Amino acid sequence: MSGGPSSVRAFAPASVSNVACGFDVLGFALEGIGDVVTARRRDSAGVVIEAISGAEGLPMDAARNTAGVAARALLESAFPDGRAPGVALEIDKGVAPAGGLGSSAASAVAAAVAVDALFGLGGDPGRLLDAALAGEAATSGAVHGDNVAPSLLGGFVLVRVDREPRTVSLPVPDGLTCALLSPRLAVETNASRGRIGRTVPLDVARSHWGNTAALVAGLFRGDPALIASALEDRLAEPLRHDAVPRYFTVKEAAIAAGALGAGLSGSGPAVFALCPDPETARRAGEAMAEAFRPSGIGALVRISPVGAAGARVIRNGEARLS
């Protein structure tokens, strides 16, 4: 382990998960927003967190922080003899916690990628995915990769955590763009998942299966009409929409402006709209902001291509990415 870099910085992007009909199995990476984690060698064994910027209230205890858990899981996997080197982490949050854009996943992925590069562990995607999933589970209370996988791999990803292949990269039709409304609200993932329960009525499940399959088929065909018909969430949306004031008004405004469909990103409060091209996405974003304005709550609108690049090491001299 000697002779390598003393520190490594890595960036991992935010992501949209569920994508209306793909609860826990579909997600895509976003451009221009993400977390940066710096990993440094330390003489003592173990993982410590030295600093967190960009967000308040996150645990400094590495055993309770998604980045710390991911770093430890990666080292334990790479050094099963128990002789893992020590590492210190600094976390720069570009993704607001509890905002519906995979904040914990971005920290976990960035930490895993930074630690992997710091010690020259080879960048094995499977090992990185496992480590980041461990970090995500530590904060969300469940192993689901619909934020972790796109943040790590980039693109639009189908996730099968308990089956091989565990991730499947899906094609993205030319021009497909996301308009995103991020209200200044917080929705805790654990509490939101608890609202859904453990069972689903058969007619809801059947509808969801069909829509998920239709969305995947629409992406492969490059068929906007099929994609639009698939963007229906009968599973989570009915139980989660009330966390976002004027949610259905915002959603309808996006569709009226030309979006193919819209829905909650993850547990919310972020609302995404899939659009056939960047210009439509800009119109949809403006319409969403206007529809949300009477709530009196601040909100940020972003426009991103669907399926941006995934996590990467930040080279010397490269500008901050989030």
Protein backbone atom coordinates (compact mmCIF):
# COMPACT_ATOMS: atom_id res chain seq x y z
CA MET A 1 0.00 0.00 0.00
CA SER A 2 3.01 2.33 0.24
CA GLY A 3 3.97 4.59 -2.64
CA GLY A 4 0.42 5.43 -3.70
CA PRO A 5 -1.35 8.77 -3.43
CA SER A 6 -1.86 10.25 0.01
CA SER A 7 -5.40 11.35 -0.86
CA VAL A 8 -8.02 10.89 -3.58
CA ARG A 9 -11.18 12.88 -4.36
CA ALA A 10 -14.16 11.24 -6.04
CA PHE A 11 -17.46 12.61 -7.34
CA ALA A 12 -20.74 10.68 -7.47
CA PRO A 13 -23.86 12.15 -9.09
CA ALA A 14 -27.35 12.53 -7.75
CA SER A 15 -30.00 10.31 -9.27
CA VAL A 16 -33.71 9.92 -9.92
CA SER A 17 -35.05 6.62 -8.62
CA ASN A 18 -38.25 4.60 -9.07
CA VAL A 19 -39.05 6.61 -12.25
CA ALA A 20 -42.79 6.26 -11.60
CA CYS A 21 -43.26 2.57 -12.38
CA GLY A 22 -39.92 1.08 -11.28
CA PHE A 23 -40.09 1.03 -7.48
CA ASP A 24 -36.65 0.01 -6.17
CA VAL A 25 -35.50 -1.26 -9.59
CA LEU A 26 -35.12 1.74 -11.95
CA GLY A 27 -33.00 4.86 -11.72
CA PHE A 28 -30.92 7.26 -13.77
CA ALA A 29 -28.01 9.57 -13.07
CA LEU A 30 -28.27 13.36 -13.14
CA GLU A 31 -25.79 15.86 -14.51
CA GLY A 32 -24.17 18.69 -12.57
CA ILE A 33 -25.14 17.76 -9.01
CA GLY A 34 -23.46 15.28 -6.72
CA ASP A 35 -21.26 14.63 -3.68
CA VAL A 36 -17.49 14.82 -3.42
CA VAL A 37 -15.64 12.61 -0.94
CA THR A 38 -11.93 12.94 -0.20
CA ALA A 39 -10.21 9.86 1.21
CA ARG A 40 -6.83 10.17 2.97
CA ARG A 41 -4.47 7.57 4.33
CA ARG A 42 -4.08 7.50 8.09
CA ASP A 43 -1.58 5.64 10.27
CA SER A 44 -4.19 4.11 12.56
CA ALA A 45 -6.58 1.41 11.39
CA GLY A 46 -10.25 2.06 10.86
CA VAL A 47 -12.40 4.63 9.10
CA VAL A 48 -12.97 8.11 10.52
CA ILE A 49 -14.84 11.13 9.19
CA GLU A 50 -12.90 14.34 9.65
CA ALA A 51 -15.29 16.87 8.12
CA ILE A 52 -18.69 17.27 6.48
CA SER A 53 -19.60 20.38 4.52
CA GLY A 54 -22.68 21.38 2.56
CA ALA A 55 -25.22 19.88 4.97
CA GLU A 56 -25.96 19.98 8.68
CA GLY A 57 -26.90 17.28 11.13
CA LEU A 58 -25.21 14.32 9.43
CA PRO A 59 -23.41 11.89 11.75
CA MET A 60 -19.65 12.25 12.11
CA ASP A 61 -19.51 8.70 13.48
CA ALA A 62 -18.32 6.60 10.54
CA ALA A 63 -20.39 3.64 11.74
CA ARG A 64 -23.58 5.68 11.29
CA ASN A 65 -22.67 7.64 8.17
CA THR A 66 -23.38 6.17 4.74
CA ALA A 67 -19.93 7.16 3.42
CA GLY A 68 -18.17 5.70 6.43
CA VAL A 69 -20.10 2.43 6.23
CA ALA A 70 -19.38 2.12 2.49
CA ALA A 71 -15.66 2.78 3.01
CA ARG A 72 -15.45 0.20 5.77
CA ALA A 73 -17.38 -2.39 3.73
CA LEU A 74 -15.02 -1.91 0.79
CA LEU A 75 -11.92 -2.29 2.93
CA GLU A 76 -13.28 -5.36 4.70
CA SER A 77 -14.00 -6.95 1.32
CA ALA A 78 -10.55 -6.11 -0.06
CA PHE A 79 -8.68 -7.11 3.12
CA PRO A 80 -10.51 -10.14 4.56
CA ASP A 81 -7.55 -10.88 6.85
CA GLY A 82 -8.57 -7.95 9.02
CA ARG A 83 -5.47 -5.91 8.19
CA ALA A 84 -7.20 -3.13 6.29
CA PRO A 85 -5.39 0.20 6.22
CA GLY A 86 -6.84 3.24 7.92
CA VAL A 87 -8.63 6.00 6.05
CA ALA A 88 -10.00 9.44 6.88
CA LEU A 89 -12.90 10.92 4.91
CA GLU A 90 -14.05 14.43 4.13
CA ILE A 91 -17.56 14.72 2.68
CA ASP A 92 -18.68 17.68 0.60
CA LYS A 93 -22.43 17.41 0.14
CA GLY A 94 -23.82 18.69 -3.13
CA VAL A 95 -27.00 16.62 -2.84
CA ALA A 96 -29.32 17.77 -0.06
CA PRO A 97 -30.26 15.01 2.40
CA ALA A 98 -33.90 13.89 2.35
CA GLY A 99 -34.47 15.63 -0.98
CA GLY A 100 -35.35 12.60 -3.11
CA LEU A 101 -32.21 12.65 -5.26
CA GLY A 102 -30.18 9.85 -3.74
CA SER A 103 -28.14 11.87 -1.26
CA SER A 104 -27.03 8.91 0.86
CA ALA A 105 -26.27 6.87 -2.27
CA ALA A 106 -24.08 9.63 -3.70
CA SER A 107 -22.03 9.82 -0.49
CA ALA A 108 -21.69 6.05 -0.31
CA VAL A 109 -20.64 5.73 -3.94
CA ALA A 110 -18.18 8.62 -3.80
CA ALA A 111 -16.59 7.18 -0.65
CA ALA A 112 -16.25 3.71 -2.15
CA VAL A 113 -14.72 5.04 -5.37
CA ALA A 114 -12.31 7.33 -3.51
CA VAL A 115 -11.12 4.60 -1.13
CA ASP A 116 -10.77 2.10 -3.96
CA ALA A 117 -8.57 4.49 -5.93
CA LEU A 118 -6.58 5.54 -2.85
CA PHE A 119 -5.39 2.00 -2.23
CA GLY A 120 -5.31 0.81 -5.84
CA LEU A 121 -7.93 -1.89 -5.36
CA GLY A 122 -8.79 -2.22 -9.04
CA GLY A 123 -12.16 -0.53 -9.38
CA ASP A 124 -14.17 -3.77 -9.54
CA PRO A 125 -17.79 -2.65 -10.19
CA GLY A 126 -19.27 -5.51 -8.18
CA ARG A 127 -17.19 -4.77 -5.11
CA LEU A 128 -17.93 -1.05 -5.38
CA LEU A 129 -21.65 -1.76 -5.76
CA ASP A 130 -21.71 -4.02 -2.70
CA ALA A 131 -19.88 -1.45 -0.59
CA ALA A 132 -22.16 1.39 -1.65
CA LEU A 133 -25.26 -0.73 -1.07
CA ALA A 134 -24.05 -1.42 2.47
CA GLY A 135 -23.72 2.31 3.02
CA GLU A 136 -27.15 3.04 1.58
CA ALA A 137 -28.78 0.33 3.69
CA ALA A 138 -27.25 1.82 6.83
CA THR A 139 -29.29 4.99 6.39
CA SER A 140 -32.37 3.92 4.42
CA GLY A 141 -32.98 0.70 6.32
CA ALA A 142 -33.22 -1.43 3.16
CA VAL A 143 -30.97 -2.77 0.41
CA HIS A 144 -32.17 -1.13 -2.80
CA GLY A 145 -29.88 -0.07 -5.61
CA ASP A 146 -32.04 2.24 -7.70
CA ASN A 147 -29.99 5.25 -6.55
CA VAL A 148 -26.66 3.53 -5.90
CA ALA A 149 -26.37 1.81 -9.29
CA PRO A 150 -26.94 4.86 -11.53
CA SER A 151 -24.76 7.00 -9.25
CA LEU A 152 -21.94 4.48 -9.60
CA LEU A 153 -22.38 3.40 -13.22
CA GLY A 154 -24.15 6.36 -14.79
CA GLY A 155 -26.88 6.07 -17.38
CA PHE A 156 -30.36 4.62 -16.95
CA VAL A 157 -30.12 1.40 -14.94
CA LEU A 158 -32.34 -1.58 -14.15
CA VAL A 159 -31.32 -3.08 -10.81
CA ARG A 160 -31.72 -6.69 -9.67
CA VAL A 161 -29.85 -6.68 -6.37
CA ASP A 162 -30.48 -10.36 -5.64
CA ARG A 163 -30.05 -11.75 -9.17
CA GLU A 164 -27.37 -11.89 -11.84
CA PRO A 165 -26.78 -9.72 -13.73
CA ARG A 166 -27.46 -7.33 -10.89
CA THR A 167 -27.49 -4.24 -13.07
CA VAL A 168 -28.63 -3.78 -16.65
CA SER A 169 -27.82 -0.57 -18.52
CA LEU A 170 -30.81 0.60 -20.53
CA PRO A 171 -30.64 2.66 -23.73
CA VAL A 172 -31.64 6.31 -23.58
CA PRO A 173 -33.41 7.74 -26.63
CA ASP A 174 -31.71 10.76 -28.17
CA GLY A 175 -32.75 13.98 -26.52
CA LEU A 176 -34.53 12.45 -23.52
CA THR A 177 -34.22 15.08 -20.78
CA CYS A 178 -35.33 15.46 -17.19
CA ALA A 179 -36.90 18.56 -15.68
CA LEU A 180 -36.62 18.47 -11.92
CA LEU A 181 -38.39 20.50 -9.26
CA SER A 182 -36.68 20.33 -5.84
CA PRO A 183 -38.81 21.93 -3.10
CA ARG A 184 -37.03 23.13 0.02
CA LEU A 185 -38.57 20.34 2.05
CA ALA A 186 -37.24 17.16 3.63
CA VAL A 187 -38.78 13.69 3.32
CA GLU A 188 -37.03 10.99 5.33
CA THR A 189 -36.67 7.78 3.32
CA ASN A 190 -37.20 5.42 6.27
CA ALA A 191 -40.51 6.99 7.22
CA SER A 192 -41.66 7.18 3.61
CA ARG A 193 -40.87 3.51 2.96
CA GLY A 194 -42.83 2.58 6.06
CA ARG A 195 -45.98 4.08 4.57
CA ILE A 196 -46.01 1.56 1.73
CA GLY A 197 -46.16 -1.57 3.87
CA ARG A 198 -45.19 -5.13 2.97
CA THR A 199 -48.04 -6.24 0.73
CA VAL A 200 -49.48 -4.92 -2.52
CA PRO A 201 -52.94 -5.66 -4.00
CA LEU A 202 -52.75 -7.93 -7.02
CA ASP A 203 -54.27 -5.41 -9.42
CA VAL A 204 -51.71 -2.77 -8.36
CA ALA A 205 -48.85 -5.23 -8.70
CA ARG A 206 -50.03 -6.37 -12.13
CA SER A 207 -50.30 -2.76 -13.31
CA HIS A 208 -46.83 -2.00 -12.02
CA TRP A 209 -45.26 -5.03 -13.70
CA GLY A 210 -46.83 -4.07 -16.99
CA ASN A 211 -45.74 -0.45 -16.75
CA THR A 212 -42.19 -1.36 -15.81
CA ALA A 213 -41.95 -3.69 -18.78
CA ALA A 214 -43.50 -1.06 -21.06
CA LEU A 215 -41.01 1.60 -19.95
CA VAL A 216 -38.05 -0.70 -20.62
CA ALA A 217 -39.51 -1.60 -24.01
CA GLY A 218 -40.11 2.08 -24.77
CA LEU A 219 -36.49 2.91 -23.98
CA PHE A 220 -35.22 0.13 -26.25
CA ARG A 221 -37.59 1.14 -29.06
CA GLY A 222 -37.06 4.86 -28.61
CA ASP A 223 -40.84 5.14 -28.50
CA PRO A 224 -42.01 8.33 -26.71
CA ALA A 225 -45.66 7.29 -26.74
CA LEU A 226 -44.89 3.95 -25.07
CA ILE A 227 -42.67 5.65 -22.50
CA ALA A 228 -45.42 8.14 -21.73
CA SER A 229 -48.01 5.40 -21.28
CA ALA A 230 -45.74 3.59 -18.82
CA LEU A 231 -45.06 6.50 -16.46
CA GLU A 232 -47.81 5.70 -13.98
CA ASP A 233 -47.19 4.97 -10.30
CA ARG A 234 -50.04 3.18 -8.58
CA LEU A 235 -47.80 1.80 -5.82
CA ALA A 236 -45.95 4.62 -4.03
CA GLU A 237 -47.47 7.84 -5.35
CA PRO A 238 -50.92 7.38 -3.76
CA LEU A 239 -49.24 6.98 -0.35
CA ARG A 240 -46.50 9.62 -0.68
CA HIS A 241 -47.85 12.50 -2.77
CA ASP A 242 -49.19 14.44 0.22
CA ALA A 243 -45.62 15.19 1.34
CA VAL A 244 -45.38 17.64 -1.59
CA PRO A 245 -47.85 20.55 -1.60
CA ARG A 246 -49.67 21.00 -4.93
CA TYR A 247 -48.10 17.78 -6.18
CA PHE A 248 -50.75 16.85 -8.74
CA THR A 249 -50.97 20.44 -9.96
CA VAL A 250 -47.20 20.42 -10.54
CA LYS A 251 -47.36 17.07 -12.30
CA GLU A 252 -50.23 18.14 -14.56
CA ALA A 253 -48.42 21.39 -15.41
CA ALA A 254 -45.37 19.45 -16.58
CA ILE A 255 -47.46 17.18 -18.81
CA ALA A 256 -49.40 20.14 -20.22
CA ALA A 257 -46.04 21.70 -21.14
CA GLY A 258 -45.11 18.63 -23.18
CA ALA A 259 -43.53 16.22 -20.68
CA LEU A 260 -44.07 12.53 -21.37
CA GLY A 261 -44.85 11.96 -17.71
CA ALA A 262 -43.89 13.03 -14.22
CA GLY A 263 -43.66 11.66 -10.72
CA LEU A 264 -41.87 11.65 -7.39
CA SER A 265 -38.15 11.05 -7.47
CA GLY A 266 -37.58 8.39 -4.87
CA SER A 267 -39.51 9.27 -1.73
CA GLY A 268 -39.76 12.90 -2.78
CA PRO A 269 -40.04 15.79 -2.33
CA ALA A 270 -38.28 16.19 -5.70
CA VAL A 271 -40.60 15.85 -8.69
CA PHE A 272 -39.19 14.74 -12.04
CA ALA A 273 -40.64 15.10 -15.52
CA LEU A 274 -39.32 13.09 -18.47
CA CYS A 275 -39.31 15.16 -21.66
CA PRO A 276 -38.52 14.29 -25.29
CA ASP A 277 -35.96 17.10 -25.71
CA PRO A 278 -34.15 19.84 -23.74
CA GLU A 279 -36.44 22.67 -24.92
CA THR A 280 -39.54 20.84 -23.75
CA ALA A 281 -37.77 20.14 -20.45
CA ARG A 282 -37.10 23.86 -19.98
CA ARG A 283 -40.78 24.64 -20.59
CA ALA A 284 -41.85 21.86 -18.25
CA GLY A 285 -39.49 23.07 -15.54
CA GLU A 286 -40.87 26.60 -15.78
CA ALA A 287 -44.43 25.27 -15.66
CA MET A 288 -43.66 23.13 -12.62
CA ALA A 289 -42.12 26.09 -10.79
CA GLU A 290 -45.11 28.29 -11.60
CA ALA A 291 -47.55 25.62 -10.43
CA PHE A 292 -45.66 25.14 -7.18
CA ARG A 293 -45.20 28.85 -6.41
CA PRO A 294 -48.57 29.33 -4.58
CA SER A 295 -47.36 26.86 -1.94
CA GLY A 296 -45.11 29.62 -0.59
CA ILE A 297 -42.22 27.15 -0.33
CA GLY A 298 -38.98 27.80 -2.16
CA ALA A 299 -37.95 25.39 -4.90
CA LEU A 300 -35.10 24.90 -7.35
CA VAL A 301 -35.56 23.79 -10.96
CA ARG A 302 -32.85 21.81 -12.74
CA ILE A 303 -32.61 20.45 -16.27
CA SER A 304 -30.47 17.38 -16.93
CA PRO A 305 -29.99 14.88 -19.71
CA VAL A 306 -31.34 11.50 -18.69
CA GLY A 307 -28.59 9.08 -17.82
CA ALA A 308 -25.56 11.29 -17.17
CA ALA A 309 -22.07 9.96 -16.39
CA GLY A 310 -21.49 8.02 -13.20
CA ALA A 311 -18.96 8.30 -10.40
CA ARG A 312 -15.35 9.18 -11.12
CA VAL A 313 -12.10 10.21 -9.52
CA ILE A 314 -11.48 13.96 -9.67
CA ARG A 315 -8.05 14.57 -11.14
CA ASN A 316 -5.69 17.31 -9.99
CA GLY A 317 -6.82 20.68 -11.30
CA GLU A 318 -10.32 19.53 -12.23
CA ALA A 319 -13.04 21.95 -11.16
CA ARG A 320 -15.41 21.03 -8.39
CA LEU A 321 -18.31 19.15 -9.93
CA SER A 322 -21.20 19.70 -7.54
